[in-house]
Amino acid sequence: MKRTVFKCVIILISIFSALHTNVSANQPAPYYQAEDYFTYDLYWSLIKVGEAKLQFRYVSWNNQDEDFFKVDLTVRTWGIADAIFKVRDHVESWIDTTNNRSVHYKKKQREGSTCRDIEVNFNLEKNTCRYFEKDAFREPIPITSQTLDPLALITALSRHEFANNAAFSQFATDGKKLIQIDAWLKDQKLLYLKSGTFDAHCVEISTKDLRGVFEKSPDSSIEIWFSNHSPSIPLRIESQVKVGSFYLELREGRLNGQILNSTNRDQASSDLQQKSYEESMEDPI
């Protein structure tokens, strides 16, 4: 049961975003800037069990001349959660911003006794992708021309203008299976967090094609709150499944080169002193 709880947490993070942005060709929404980042506290019910960090930059890949947009997600448990089911994950995504599609996906999974190193290479000319794990690989699977990997989807979601189009879907793959995830705008309101007060909107994501714990929880749900910035900030990600409630909540970050307390933060709501993300990641993976 305890292991199931923390596996649910990892599943929640792996679907951190799952929508498609139908951006106007005349007015494309921006990507995050290099060195932007968001740090989150991770909770199971009301218990803080760890943290996660999203980072963005431009880097080369596979000795190609052009730079690609890179997203990094690191996840770790701490305290009692480490004693039950220790997690030290690092997920990476390379994105071709010209075509808005994934180029490469990499996952270093360290969860309990599980130790896996996974890569997915996307062939943009043939519209296929191939899954690698250690020295073994699967046969390529067909994908659509705008398929994204699970982590790259955060960029599509953050760039979508929800006020103009409240319902949409996106093809995504982890290299094993191509799925379509539907989502819709559910709510809009002022959201109060420890990191500040934000004008925000909530998106609900269909779980009908998601595997793992969601298959065993017919009443499961996933909701993601985003700020009204452009690109938007993922503020809170929450999931209800059979074994309980899990959520990520923004602690701190930088958007468009500015620390959040200079963009949209209520200083009076965020006086608590917290350990920095870097300090909490000191123990080796």
Foldseek 3Di string as FASTA:
>chain_A
DLLLQVVVQVLLVLQVDFFAAPADPVDFFDFFEAFWKFKKFKDFFNDTFWIKMKGWHWADPPPDPGTWIKIKMWIFTDDPSCVRKTWTKIKMWTADPVQQETAKIWIATDIRPDTWTKIKGADLVQQWIKIDTDPDIDDIDHHDNNEYESVSNVRRQLQHDCVVPFWGWHWYDPRPDIDIKIKGWDDWDWDADLFFIAGKTKMKIDCPPPDDQCVVFVPKIWMWIWGPDRSIDGAKIWMQGPVGIIMIGTDWIATNRHTVVVPGGDVVSHPDDDDDPVVVCPDDD
